[in-house]
Amino acid sequence: MKFEKPYIILSAAMTIDGKIASKKGDPELSDLIDWKHVHKLRTDVDAIMVGKGTIIQDDPKLHIKYYNHNGYTRIILDSNLSIPIDSQVINYKPEIYPTIICTTENATEVRIKEFKKRNISIIKSGHDKQVDLLKLMPILKKKGINSIILEGGGTLNWSFIKNDLIDEIRLTIAPWIIGGKDATSLVEGKGFDKMIEGKRFNLINVNNRDNYVVLNYKRKRE
């Protein structure tokens, strides 16, 4: 059977040495021009997806600025529904930006009811510690979500790379190096044992300005 899923665009900014946040979690790499490009990309998709770590650490609205738009869906991966109920993603303009939380069978009914009272949609996908992405993708597709911009951390990015779910990458390289073994890399997780196991992408576009470089890749399919 054909595997149905949304088109997934991984969008990120990183340092020259591949870090998307400092060892203390500072993710501020983008300048105003890059942020405008990010928000423009948000207007072109049906949904944005992040992990619970992004919500807990940064408490973002995940909204769209600078451009006229009709809103989109905010999707949070949270295996045990641990994000705060007063998070901005729950409460900021839900009529424009509806939110779906994707969790597992480990989430309690009490917690699920708390979120549903805020008109948050809940999708259960999987029985393990992490949301089952391969099960989740067709569910989102059936809900009419045909394209998603992934703005996750290194762990979430690895989950999508590992499962070969990334179709396109839009990557901004900021002109500095921060180092640090505890700083967050673009892709973390277990990683592949051999280079030949890695997922390959074709470079389709390169832009540079003010020492920033923007790279656009598409997944190389055999």
N, C-alpha and C. Protein backbone atom coordinates (compact mmCIF):
# COMPACT_ATOMS: atom_id res chain seq x y z
N MET A 1 0.84 -1.20 0.00
CA MET A 1 0.00 0.00 0.00
C MET A 1 0.88 1.25 0.00
N LYS A 2 0.41 2.28 -0.71
CA LYS A 2 1.14 3.54 -0.74
C LYS A 2 1.05 4.23 0.60
N PHE A 3 2.19 4.73 1.09
CA PHE A 3 2.24 5.43 2.37
C PHE A 3 1.86 6.89 2.14
N GLU A 4 0.73 7.31 2.68
CA GLU A 4 0.24 8.67 2.53
C GLU A 4 0.75 9.53 3.68
N LYS A 5 1.31 10.67 3.35
CA LYS A 5 1.80 11.58 4.39
C LYS A 5 1.84 13.01 3.86
N PRO A 6 1.86 13.99 4.75
CA PRO A 6 2.05 15.37 4.30
C PRO A 6 3.46 15.57 3.77
N TYR A 7 3.64 16.62 2.98
CA TYR A 7 4.96 17.04 2.50
C TYR A 7 5.64 17.75 3.68
N ILE A 8 6.82 17.29 4.06
CA ILE A 8 7.50 17.81 5.25
C ILE A 8 8.70 18.65 4.87
N ILE A 9 8.70 19.90 5.34
CA ILE A 9 9.83 20.82 5.13
C ILE A 9 10.51 21.09 6.47
N LEU A 10 11.75 20.67 6.60
CA LEU A 10 12.51 21.00 7.80
C LEU A 10 13.10 22.39 7.63
N SER A 11 12.77 23.29 8.53
CA SER A 11 13.27 24.66 8.47
C SER A 11 14.08 24.94 9.74
N ALA A 12 15.30 25.43 9.56
CA ALA A 12 16.14 25.69 10.73
C ALA A 12 17.22 26.71 10.39
N ALA A 13 17.74 27.33 11.44
CA ALA A 13 18.94 28.16 11.33
C ALA A 13 19.99 27.54 12.24
N MET A 14 21.23 27.51 11.76
CA MET A 14 22.29 26.92 12.57
C MET A 14 23.58 27.70 12.40
N THR A 15 24.50 27.50 13.33
CA THR A 15 25.81 28.11 13.25
C THR A 15 26.67 27.36 12.24
N ILE A 16 27.84 27.89 11.94
CA ILE A 16 28.76 27.22 11.02
C ILE A 16 29.08 25.81 11.52
N ASP A 17 29.14 25.64 12.84
CA ASP A 17 29.47 24.33 13.40
C ASP A 17 28.23 23.50 13.72
N GLY A 18 27.11 23.83 13.09
CA GLY A 18 25.95 22.95 13.13
C GLY A 18 25.08 23.02 14.37
N LYS A 19 25.19 24.11 15.16
CA LYS A 19 24.40 24.23 16.38
C LYS A 19 23.15 25.08 16.14
N ILE A 20 22.01 24.60 16.64
CA ILE A 20 20.77 25.39 16.51
C ILE A 20 20.41 26.09 17.81
N ALA A 21 21.15 25.81 18.86
CA ALA A 21 20.98 26.52 20.13
C ALA A 21 22.27 26.35 20.94
N SER A 22 22.53 27.32 21.80
CA SER A 22 23.73 27.26 22.64
C SER A 22 23.55 26.23 23.75
N LYS A 23 24.60 26.02 24.53
CA LYS A 23 24.53 25.03 25.61
C LYS A 23 23.52 25.42 26.68
N LYS A 24 23.13 26.69 26.71
CA LYS A 24 22.09 27.14 27.64
C LYS A 24 20.74 27.31 26.97
N GLY A 25 20.65 26.86 25.71
CA GLY A 25 19.36 26.84 25.04
C GLY A 25 19.00 28.08 24.26
N ASP A 26 19.95 28.99 24.06
CA ASP A 26 19.67 30.21 23.30
C ASP A 26 19.62 29.88 21.81
N PRO A 27 18.43 30.08 21.16
CA PRO A 27 18.29 29.73 19.75
C PRO A 27 18.35 30.92 18.80
N GLU A 28 18.71 32.10 19.31
CA GLU A 28 18.58 33.33 18.51
C GLU A 28 19.70 33.45 17.48
N LEU A 29 19.47 32.87 16.32
CA LEU A 29 20.44 32.90 15.23
C LEU A 29 20.00 33.76 14.05
N SER A 30 18.70 33.84 13.85
CA SER A 30 18.16 34.50 12.66
C SER A 30 18.12 36.02 12.82
N ASP A 31 18.41 36.73 11.74
CA ASP A 31 18.20 38.17 11.73
C ASP A 31 16.79 38.45 11.20
N LEU A 32 16.42 39.72 11.09
CA LEU A 32 15.06 40.07 10.69
C LEU A 32 14.72 39.54 9.30
N ILE A 33 15.66 39.62 8.38
CA ILE A 33 15.40 39.15 7.02
C ILE A 33 15.10 37.66 7.02
N ASP A 34 15.89 36.91 7.78
CA ASP A 34 15.66 35.46 7.82
C ASP A 34 14.33 35.15 8.49
N TRP A 35 13.98 35.88 9.55
CA TRP A 35 12.68 35.65 10.19
C TRP A 35 11.53 35.91 9.23
N LYS A 36 11.68 36.92 8.40
CA LYS A 36 10.62 37.20 7.43
C LYS A 36 10.50 36.05 6.43
N HIS A 37 11.63 35.49 6.05
CA HIS A 37 11.58 34.33 5.15
C HIS A 37 10.90 33.14 5.82
N VAL A 38 11.19 32.96 7.11
CA VAL A 38 10.56 31.87 7.87
C VAL A 38 9.05 32.05 7.91
N HIS A 39 8.61 33.26 8.21
CA HIS A 39 7.18 33.52 8.31
C HIS A 39 6.50 33.45 6.95
N LYS A 40 7.22 33.81 5.90
CA LYS A 40 6.66 33.64 4.55
C LYS A 40 6.45 32.16 4.26
N LEU A 41 7.41 31.34 4.64
CA LEU A 41 7.28 29.90 4.44
C LEU A 41 6.09 29.36 5.22
N ARG A 42 5.86 29.90 6.40
CA ARG A 42 4.71 29.47 7.21
C ARG A 42 3.39 29.74 6.50
N THR A 43 3.34 30.79 5.69
CA THR A 43 2.08 31.09 4.99
C THR A 43 1.81 30.10 3.86
N ASP A 44 2.81 29.33 3.48
CA ASP A 44 2.68 28.43 2.33
C ASP A 44 2.34 26.99 2.71
N VAL A 45 2.21 26.71 4.01
CA VAL A 45 1.95 25.33 4.45
C VAL A 45 0.65 25.26 5.23
N ASP A 46 0.20 24.03 5.45
CA ASP A 46 -1.04 23.82 6.20
C ASP A 46 -0.82 23.79 7.71
N ALA A 47 0.41 23.49 8.12
CA ALA A 47 0.66 23.32 9.55
C ALA A 47 2.12 23.54 9.88
N ILE A 48 2.36 23.85 11.15
CA ILE A 48 3.71 23.90 11.71
C ILE A 48 3.78 22.83 12.79
N MET A 49 4.94 22.18 12.93
CA MET A 49 5.10 21.14 13.95
C MET A 49 6.36 21.36 14.76
N VAL A 50 6.22 21.23 16.09
CA VAL A 50 7.37 21.28 16.99
C VAL A 50 7.17 20.21 18.05
N GLY A 51 8.23 19.95 18.81
CA GLY A 51 8.15 19.03 19.92
C GLY A 51 7.83 19.76 21.21
N LYS A 52 7.54 18.98 22.24
CA LYS A 52 7.17 19.59 23.52
C LYS A 52 8.31 20.40 24.13
N GLY A 53 9.57 20.02 23.82
CA GLY A 53 10.70 20.75 24.38
C GLY A 53 10.71 22.21 23.96
N THR A 54 10.34 22.46 22.71
CA THR A 54 10.26 23.83 22.22
C THR A 54 9.22 24.64 22.98
N ILE A 55 8.08 24.01 23.26
CA ILE A 55 7.01 24.69 23.98
C ILE A 55 7.42 24.97 25.42
N ILE A 56 7.99 23.98 26.08
CA ILE A 56 8.38 24.13 27.49
C ILE A 56 9.49 25.16 27.66
N GLN A 57 10.46 25.14 26.75
CA GLN A 57 11.61 26.04 26.90
C GLN A 57 11.33 27.45 26.41
N ASP A 58 10.68 27.59 25.25
CA ASP A 58 10.54 28.91 24.62
C ASP A 58 9.14 29.52 24.73
N ASP A 59 8.13 28.69 24.98
CA ASP A 59 6.73 29.14 25.04
C ASP A 59 6.35 30.02 23.84
N PRO A 60 6.55 29.53 22.61
CA PRO A 60 6.25 30.35 21.42
C PRO A 60 4.76 30.37 21.09
N LYS A 61 4.35 31.40 20.37
CA LYS A 61 2.98 31.46 19.86
C LYS A 61 2.82 30.60 18.60
N LEU A 62 3.90 30.43 17.86
CA LEU A 62 3.88 29.72 16.57
C LEU A 62 2.86 30.35 15.62
N HIS A 63 2.88 31.68 15.59
CA HIS A 63 1.95 32.40 14.73
C HIS A 63 2.67 32.90 13.48
N ILE A 64 1.98 33.68 12.68
CA ILE A 64 2.54 34.22 11.44
C ILE A 64 2.54 35.74 11.51
N LYS A 65 3.69 36.33 11.29
CA LYS A 65 3.82 37.79 11.27
C LYS A 65 4.23 38.26 9.87
N TYR A 66 4.11 39.54 9.65
CA TYR A 66 4.62 40.24 8.46
C TYR A 66 3.77 40.07 7.20
N TYR A 67 2.94 39.04 7.12
CA TYR A 67 2.21 38.75 5.89
C TYR A 67 0.72 38.52 6.17
N ASN A 68 -0.10 38.84 5.18
CA ASN A 68 -1.51 38.48 5.26
C ASN A 68 -1.64 36.97 5.08
N HIS A 69 -2.55 36.38 5.83
CA HIS A 69 -2.66 34.92 5.79
C HIS A 69 -4.01 34.51 6.37
N ASN A 70 -4.30 33.22 6.22
CA ASN A 70 -5.54 32.65 6.76
C ASN A 70 -5.31 31.74 7.95
N GLY A 71 -4.12 31.84 8.54
CA GLY A 71 -3.79 30.98 9.66
C GLY A 71 -3.37 29.59 9.21
N TYR A 72 -3.03 28.77 10.16
CA TYR A 72 -2.69 27.38 9.89
C TYR A 72 -2.81 26.60 11.19
N THR A 73 -2.53 25.30 11.12
CA THR A 73 -2.66 24.44 12.30
C THR A 73 -1.32 24.30 13.00
N ARG A 74 -1.35 24.39 14.32
CA ARG A 74 -0.14 24.17 15.11
C ARG A 74 -0.20 22.74 15.65
N ILE A 75 0.86 21.98 15.40
CA ILE A 75 0.92 20.58 15.82
C ILE A 75 2.07 20.41 16.81
N ILE A 76 1.75 19.86 17.97
CA ILE A 76 2.74 19.64 19.01
C ILE A 76 2.88 18.14 19.26
N LEU A 77 4.10 17.64 19.28
CA LEU A 77 4.34 16.26 19.66
C LEU A 77 4.68 16.22 21.14
N ASP A 78 3.83 15.55 21.91
CA ASP A 78 3.98 15.50 23.37
C ASP A 78 3.50 14.13 23.85
N SER A 79 4.43 13.23 24.06
CA SER A 79 4.08 11.82 24.31
C SER A 79 3.27 11.58 25.57
N ASN A 80 3.36 12.48 26.55
CA ASN A 80 2.59 12.29 27.78
C ASN A 80 1.81 13.54 28.22
N LEU A 81 1.60 14.45 27.27
CA LEU A 81 0.83 15.68 27.53
C LEU A 81 1.40 16.46 28.72
N SER A 82 2.68 16.77 28.64
CA SER A 82 3.34 17.44 29.75
C SER A 82 3.50 18.94 29.57
N ILE A 83 3.10 19.50 28.40
CA ILE A 83 3.25 20.95 28.23
C ILE A 83 2.25 21.66 29.14
N PRO A 84 2.60 22.85 29.62
CA PRO A 84 1.68 23.60 30.50
C PRO A 84 0.39 23.98 29.79
N ILE A 85 -0.71 23.90 30.51
CA ILE A 85 -2.02 24.22 29.94
C ILE A 85 -2.13 25.71 29.62
N ASP A 86 -1.27 26.54 30.25
CA ASP A 86 -1.31 27.98 29.99
C ASP A 86 -0.28 28.41 28.94
N SER A 87 0.27 27.46 28.20
CA SER A 87 1.22 27.79 27.12
C SER A 87 0.55 28.68 26.09
N GLN A 88 1.34 29.55 25.48
CA GLN A 88 0.79 30.46 24.47
C GLN A 88 0.22 29.70 23.27
N VAL A 89 0.82 28.55 22.96
CA VAL A 89 0.32 27.78 21.82
C VAL A 89 -1.08 27.25 22.06
N ILE A 90 -1.46 27.16 23.32
CA ILE A 90 -2.81 26.72 23.68
C ILE A 90 -3.79 27.88 23.64
N ASN A 91 -3.34 29.05 24.04
CA ASN A 91 -4.25 30.15 24.29
C ASN A 91 -4.22 31.30 23.28
N TYR A 92 -3.19 31.38 22.45
CA TYR A 92 -3.07 32.51 21.55
C TYR A 92 -3.88 32.30 20.27
N LYS A 93 -4.91 33.11 20.08
CA LYS A 93 -5.74 33.14 18.88
C LYS A 93 -6.08 31.76 18.31
N PRO A 94 -6.74 30.92 19.11
CA PRO A 94 -7.08 29.58 18.63
C PRO A 94 -8.05 29.58 17.45
N GLU A 95 -8.76 30.69 17.26
CA GLU A 95 -9.70 30.75 16.14
C GLU A 95 -8.96 30.87 14.79
N ILE A 96 -7.72 31.36 14.83
CA ILE A 96 -6.90 31.48 13.62
C ILE A 96 -5.90 30.33 13.53
N TYR A 97 -5.40 29.93 14.68
CA TYR A 97 -4.37 28.89 14.74
C TYR A 97 -4.84 27.72 15.61
N PRO A 98 -5.68 26.85 15.09
CA PRO A 98 -6.09 25.69 15.87
C PRO A 98 -4.88 24.81 16.20
N THR A 99 -4.93 24.15 17.34
CA THR A 99 -3.81 23.34 17.79
C THR A 99 -4.19 21.87 17.93
N ILE A 100 -3.31 21.01 17.44
CA ILE A 100 -3.43 19.57 17.63
C ILE A 100 -2.24 19.11 18.46
N ILE A 101 -2.51 18.34 19.50
CA ILE A 101 -1.43 17.71 20.25
C ILE A 101 -1.43 16.23 19.94
N CYS A 102 -0.28 15.75 19.48
CA CYS A 102 -0.13 14.33 19.15
C CYS A 102 0.58 13.66 20.31
N THR A 103 -0.04 12.66 20.88
CA THR A 103 0.47 12.02 22.08
C THR A 103 0.45 10.50 21.89
N THR A 104 0.59 9.77 22.98
CA THR A 104 0.58 8.31 22.94
C THR A 104 -0.52 7.78 23.85
N GLU A 105 -0.64 6.47 23.88
CA GLU A 105 -1.62 5.83 24.76
C GLU A 105 -1.26 6.03 26.23
N ASN A 106 -0.07 6.54 26.50
CA ASN A 106 0.37 6.77 27.89
C ASN A 106 -0.27 8.02 28.50
N ALA A 107 -0.83 8.88 27.68
CA ALA A 107 -1.47 10.10 28.19
C ALA A 107 -2.72 9.73 29.00
N THR A 108 -2.89 10.38 30.14
CA THR A 108 -4.04 10.07 30.99
C THR A 108 -5.30 10.75 30.48
N GLU A 109 -6.44 10.13 30.76
CA GLU A 109 -7.72 10.71 30.35
C GLU A 109 -7.98 12.03 31.05
N VAL A 110 -7.52 12.15 32.29
CA VAL A 110 -7.69 13.41 33.02
C VAL A 110 -6.99 14.55 32.29
N ARG A 111 -5.76 14.28 31.86
CA ARG A 111 -4.98 15.30 31.16
C ARG A 111 -5.61 15.60 29.80
N ILE A 112 -6.07 14.59 29.11
CA ILE A 112 -6.71 14.78 27.81
C ILE A 112 -7.93 15.67 27.94
N LYS A 113 -8.74 15.45 28.96
CA LYS A 113 -9.94 16.26 29.17
C LYS A 113 -9.59 17.72 29.43
N GLU A 114 -8.48 17.97 30.13
CA GLU A 114 -8.06 19.34 30.41
C GLU A 114 -7.80 20.10 29.11
N PHE A 115 -7.14 19.43 28.18
CA PHE A 115 -6.83 20.08 26.91
C PHE A 115 -8.07 20.21 26.03
N LYS A 116 -8.90 19.21 26.05
CA LYS A 116 -10.10 19.27 25.22
C LYS A 116 -11.04 20.38 25.68
N LYS A 117 -11.00 20.74 26.96
CA LYS A 117 -11.79 21.87 27.45
C LYS A 117 -11.35 23.17 26.80
N ARG A 118 -10.10 23.21 26.34
CA ARG A 118 -9.57 24.39 25.64
C ARG A 118 -9.71 24.25 24.13
N ASN A 119 -10.52 23.29 23.70
CA ASN A 119 -10.76 23.03 22.27
C ASN A 119 -9.50 22.59 21.54
N ILE A 120 -8.63 21.90 22.24
CA ILE A 120 -7.43 21.34 21.63
C ILE A 120 -7.74 19.93 21.15
N SER A 121 -7.41 19.63 19.90
CA SER A 121 -7.60 18.29 19.37
C SER A 121 -6.46 17.38 19.83
N ILE A 122 -6.79 16.17 20.19
CA ILE A 122 -5.80 15.20 20.66
C ILE A 122 -5.78 14.00 19.71
N ILE A 123 -4.58 13.62 19.28
CA ILE A 123 -4.41 12.41 18.47
C ILE A 123 -3.48 11.47 19.22
N LYS A 124 -3.93 10.26 19.47
CA LYS A 124 -3.08 9.25 20.08
C LYS A 124 -2.42 8.43 18.97
N SER A 125 -1.10 8.30 19.08
CA SER A 125 -0.37 7.56 18.05
C SER A 125 0.78 6.79 18.70
N GLY A 126 0.57 5.53 18.95
CA GLY A 126 1.63 4.69 19.49
C GLY A 126 1.48 4.40 20.97
N HIS A 127 2.19 3.35 21.42
CA HIS A 127 2.12 2.91 22.81
C HIS A 127 3.45 3.09 23.54
N ASP A 128 4.51 3.48 22.83
CA ASP A 128 5.83 3.59 23.44
C ASP A 128 6.06 4.96 24.06
N LYS A 129 7.32 5.26 24.36
CA LYS A 129 7.65 6.53 24.99
C LYS A 129 7.53 7.71 24.03
N GLN A 130 7.64 7.43 22.73
CA GLN A 130 7.57 8.49 21.75
C GLN A 130 6.38 8.30 20.82
N VAL A 131 5.91 9.40 20.27
CA VAL A 131 4.81 9.34 19.30
C VAL A 131 5.26 8.55 18.08
N ASP A 132 4.41 7.67 17.61
CA ASP A 132 4.70 6.86 16.43
C ASP A 132 4.45 7.71 15.18
N LEU A 133 5.53 8.21 14.59
CA LEU A 133 5.41 9.12 13.45
C LEU A 133 4.86 8.42 12.21
N LEU A 134 5.24 7.18 12.01
CA LEU A 134 4.77 6.46 10.82
C LEU A 134 3.27 6.21 10.88
N LYS A 135 2.74 6.04 12.06
CA LYS A 135 1.30 5.90 12.23
C LYS A 135 0.61 7.26 12.15
N LEU A 136 1.29 8.28 12.65
CA LEU A 136 0.70 9.62 12.71
C LEU A 136 0.55 10.28 11.35
N MET A 137 1.53 10.12 10.47
CA MET A 137 1.53 10.84 9.20
C MET A 137 0.26 10.61 8.37
N PRO A 138 -0.19 9.36 8.18
CA PRO A 138 -1.43 9.17 7.41
C PRO A 138 -2.66 9.78 8.10
N ILE A 139 -2.65 9.82 9.44
CA ILE A 139 -3.77 10.42 10.16
C ILE A 139 -3.86 11.91 9.86
N LEU A 140 -2.71 12.58 9.89
CA LEU A 140 -2.69 14.02 9.58
C LEU A 140 -3.08 14.27 8.12
N LYS A 141 -2.63 13.41 7.24
CA LYS A 141 -2.98 13.54 5.82
C LYS A 141 -4.49 13.45 5.62
N LYS A 142 -5.12 12.51 6.32
CA LYS A 142 -6.56 12.34 6.20
C LYS A 142 -7.32 13.53 6.76
N LYS A 143 -6.68 14.28 7.66
CA LYS A 143 -7.31 15.48 8.22
C LYS A 143 -7.14 16.68 7.30
N GLY A 144 -6.58 16.47 6.12
CA GLY A 144 -6.43 17.56 5.17
C GLY A 144 -5.16 18.35 5.32
N ILE A 145 -4.22 17.88 6.13
CA ILE A 145 -2.94 18.56 6.29
C ILE A 145 -1.97 17.98 5.27
N ASN A 146 -1.76 18.72 4.21
CA ASN A 146 -0.95 18.23 3.09
C ASN A 146 0.50 18.68 3.14
N SER A 147 0.79 19.70 3.95
CA SER A 147 2.16 20.20 4.05
C SER A 147 2.42 20.70 5.46
N ILE A 148 3.62 20.41 5.95
CA ILE A 148 4.01 20.80 7.32
C ILE A 148 5.41 21.38 7.29
N ILE A 149 5.60 22.48 8.01
CA ILE A 149 6.94 22.99 8.24
C ILE A 149 7.38 22.49 9.62
N LEU A 150 8.50 21.81 9.66
CA LEU A 150 9.02 21.24 10.90
C LEU A 150 10.04 22.21 11.47
N GLU A 151 9.75 22.76 12.64
CA GLU A 151 10.67 23.69 13.30
C GLU A 151 11.05 23.12 14.66
N GLY A 152 11.52 21.89 14.67
CA GLY A 152 11.81 21.21 15.92
C GLY A 152 13.25 21.33 16.36
N GLY A 153 13.55 20.67 17.46
CA GLY A 153 14.92 20.60 17.95
C GLY A 153 15.63 19.41 17.36
N GLY A 154 16.86 19.18 17.81
CA GLY A 154 17.67 18.12 17.25
C GLY A 154 17.09 16.73 17.40
N THR A 155 16.41 16.47 18.52
CA THR A 155 15.83 15.15 18.75
C THR A 155 14.66 14.89 17.82
N LEU A 156 13.78 15.88 17.68
CA LEU A 156 12.64 15.73 16.78
C LEU A 156 13.11 15.60 15.33
N ASN A 157 14.11 16.40 14.95
CA ASN A 157 14.65 16.31 13.60
C ASN A 157 15.19 14.91 13.32
N TRP A 158 15.87 14.33 14.29
CA TRP A 158 16.39 12.97 14.11
C TRP A 158 15.25 11.97 13.89
N SER A 159 14.17 12.11 14.64
CA SER A 159 13.05 11.18 14.49
C SER A 159 12.51 11.21 13.07
N PHE A 160 12.44 12.39 12.48
CA PHE A 160 11.94 12.50 11.11
C PHE A 160 12.96 12.00 10.10
N ILE A 161 14.25 12.28 10.33
CA ILE A 161 15.29 11.79 9.43
C ILE A 161 15.37 10.27 9.49
N LYS A 162 15.36 9.74 10.69
CA LYS A 162 15.46 8.28 10.89
C LYS A 162 14.36 7.55 10.14
N ASN A 163 13.16 8.12 10.17
CA ASN A 163 12.01 7.49 9.52
C ASN A 163 11.83 7.91 8.06
N ASP A 164 12.81 8.66 7.54
CA ASP A 164 12.82 9.09 6.14
C ASP A 164 11.55 9.85 5.77
N LEU A 165 11.20 10.83 6.59
CA LEU A 165 9.96 11.58 6.40
C LEU A 165 10.19 13.00 5.87
N ILE A 166 11.45 13.43 5.79
CA ILE A 166 11.76 14.78 5.33
C ILE A 166 11.79 14.83 3.80
N ASP A 167 11.04 15.75 3.22
CA ASP A 167 11.03 15.93 1.77
C ASP A 167 11.92 17.07 1.33
N GLU A 168 12.05 18.08 2.18
CA GLU A 168 12.79 19.29 1.80
C GLU A 168 13.41 19.90 3.04
N ILE A 169 14.55 20.55 2.86
CA ILE A 169 15.22 21.24 3.97
C ILE A 169 15.49 22.67 3.54
N ARG A 170 15.13 23.60 4.41
CA ARG A 170 15.46 25.00 4.19
C ARG A 170 16.35 25.41 5.37
N LEU A 171 17.63 25.62 5.12
CA LEU A 171 18.62 25.77 6.18
C LEU A 171 19.38 27.09 6.04
N THR A 172 19.33 27.91 7.08
CA THR A 172 20.11 29.15 7.13
C THR A 172 21.34 28.93 7.99
N ILE A 173 22.52 29.27 7.44
CA ILE A 173 23.75 29.16 8.22
C ILE A 173 24.18 30.55 8.66
N ALA A 174 24.18 30.76 9.97
CA ALA A 174 24.57 32.05 10.54
C ALA A 174 26.09 32.11 10.67
N PRO A 175 26.67 33.31 10.52
CA PRO A 175 28.13 33.42 10.39
C PRO A 175 28.90 33.46 11.70
N TRP A 176 28.64 32.49 12.58
CA TRP A 176 29.47 32.38 13.77
C TRP A 176 29.52 30.96 14.29
N ILE A 177 30.45 30.72 15.20
CA ILE A 177 30.67 29.41 15.79
C ILE A 177 30.54 29.53 17.31
N ILE A 178 29.80 28.60 17.93
CA ILE A 178 29.64 28.67 19.39
C ILE A 178 30.23 27.46 20.11
N GLY A 179 30.37 26.33 19.42
CA GLY A 179 30.94 25.15 20.07
C GLY A 179 30.08 24.63 21.22
N GLY A 180 30.65 23.71 21.97
CA GLY A 180 29.94 23.17 23.13
C GLY A 180 29.34 21.81 22.87
N LYS A 181 29.81 20.78 23.57
CA LYS A 181 29.27 19.44 23.36
C LYS A 181 27.82 19.34 23.82
N ASP A 182 27.41 20.26 24.69
CA ASP A 182 26.02 20.25 25.18
C ASP A 182 25.12 21.20 24.41
N ALA A 183 25.68 21.91 23.44
CA ALA A 183 24.85 22.76 22.57
C ALA A 183 24.05 21.87 21.63
N THR A 184 22.85 22.30 21.27
CA THR A 184 21.96 21.48 20.45
C THR A 184 22.36 21.52 18.99
N SER A 185 22.55 20.35 18.40
CA SER A 185 22.88 20.25 16.99
C SER A 185 21.62 20.16 16.15
N LEU A 186 21.76 20.39 14.86
CA LEU A 186 20.62 20.34 13.95
C LEU A 186 19.89 19.00 14.04
N VAL A 187 20.67 17.92 14.07
CA VAL A 187 20.10 16.58 14.19
C VAL A 187 20.87 15.84 15.28
N GLU A 188 20.15 15.31 16.26
CA GLU A 188 20.80 14.62 17.35
C GLU A 188 20.36 13.15 17.36
N GLY A 189 19.89 12.66 18.49
CA GLY A 189 19.43 11.28 18.55
C GLY A 189 20.57 10.29 18.46
N LYS A 190 20.23 9.05 18.17
CA LYS A 190 21.21 7.96 18.12
C LYS A 190 22.13 8.09 16.92
N GLY A 191 21.62 8.50 15.79
CA GLY A 191 22.42 8.61 14.58
C GLY A 191 22.62 7.27 13.90
N PHE A 192 23.08 7.32 12.66
CA PHE A 192 23.35 6.10 11.90
C PHE A 192 24.78 5.63 12.17
N ASP A 193 25.00 4.33 12.05
CA ASP A 193 26.34 3.76 12.30
C ASP A 193 27.31 4.05 11.16
N LYS A 194 26.80 4.06 9.92
CA LYS A 194 27.65 4.22 8.76
C LYS A 194 27.15 5.35 7.88
N MET A 195 28.08 6.02 7.21
CA MET A 195 27.72 7.12 6.32
C MET A 195 26.75 6.69 5.24
N ILE A 196 26.91 5.47 4.75
CA ILE A 196 26.07 5.00 3.66
C ILE A 196 24.61 4.87 4.07
N GLU A 197 24.36 4.82 5.39
CA GLU A 197 22.98 4.72 5.90
C GLU A 197 22.28 6.07 5.92
N GLY A 198 23.05 7.14 5.83
CA GLY A 198 22.47 8.47 5.93
C GLY A 198 21.51 8.79 4.78
N LYS A 199 20.56 9.67 5.05
CA LYS A 199 19.60 10.09 4.04
C LYS A 199 20.24 11.19 3.19
N ARG A 200 20.12 11.07 1.89
CA ARG A 200 20.79 12.00 0.99
C ARG A 200 19.82 13.00 0.37
N PHE A 201 20.32 14.21 0.20
CA PHE A 201 19.49 15.30 -0.33
C PHE A 201 20.21 15.98 -1.49
N ASN A 202 19.43 16.49 -2.42
CA ASN A 202 19.97 17.25 -3.55
C ASN A 202 19.90 18.74 -3.23
N LEU A 203 20.99 19.45 -3.43
CA LEU A 203 21.01 20.90 -3.25
C LEU A 203 20.35 21.54 -4.46
N ILE A 204 19.27 22.29 -4.23
CA ILE A 204 18.54 22.88 -5.35
C ILE A 204 18.67 24.40 -5.43
N ASN A 205 19.13 25.02 -4.33
CA ASN A 205 19.25 26.48 -4.39
C ASN A 205 20.20 26.97 -3.30
N VAL A 206 20.96 28.01 -3.60
CA VAL A 206 21.86 28.64 -2.64
C VAL A 206 21.71 30.15 -2.75
N ASN A 207 21.54 30.81 -1.61
CA ASN A 207 21.52 32.28 -1.57
C ASN A 207 22.43 32.74 -0.45
N ASN A 208 23.07 33.88 -0.63
CA ASN A 208 23.88 34.43 0.45
C ASN A 208 23.69 35.94 0.54
N ARG A 209 23.80 36.45 1.75
CA ARG A 209 23.68 37.89 2.00
C ARG A 209 24.24 38.18 3.39
N ASP A 210 24.96 39.26 3.51
CA ASP A 210 25.49 39.71 4.81
C ASP A 210 26.11 38.57 5.60
N ASN A 211 26.84 37.70 4.92
CA ASN A 211 27.52 36.57 5.53
C ASN A 211 26.61 35.43 5.97
N TYR A 212 25.30 35.56 5.75
CA TYR A 212 24.37 34.44 5.95
C TYR A 212 24.28 33.65 4.65
N VAL A 213 24.12 32.34 4.75
CA VAL A 213 23.93 31.48 3.58
C VAL A 213 22.65 30.69 3.79
N VAL A 214 21.80 30.68 2.77
CA VAL A 214 20.55 29.93 2.82
C VAL A 214 20.62 28.79 1.80
N LEU A 215 20.49 27.57 2.29
CA LEU A 215 20.58 26.38 1.46
C LEU A 215 19.21 25.70 1.39
N ASN A 216 18.85 25.27 0.22
CA ASN A 216 17.58 24.57 0.02
C ASN A 216 17.86 23.20 -0.60
N TYR A 217 17.43 22.15 0.09
CA TYR A 217 17.65 20.78 -0.36
C TYR A 217 16.33 20.06 -0.55
N LYS A 218 16.34 19.08 -1.44
CA LYS A 218 15.20 18.16 -1.56
C LYS A 218 15.71 16.74 -1.45
N ARG A 219 14.88 15.90 -0.87
CA ARG A 219 15.26 14.51 -0.61
C ARG A 219 15.59 13.80 -1.91
N LYS A 220 16.71 13.11 -1.92
CA LYS A 220 17.12 12.33 -3.09
C LYS A 220 16.45 10.97 -3.00
N ARG A 221 15.53 10.71 -3.91
CA ARG A 221 14.83 9.43 -3.94
C ARG A 221 15.45 8.53 -4.99
N GLU A 222 15.66 7.29 -4.61
CA GLU A 222 16.27 6.33 -5.54
C GLU A 222 15.25 5.86 -6.55
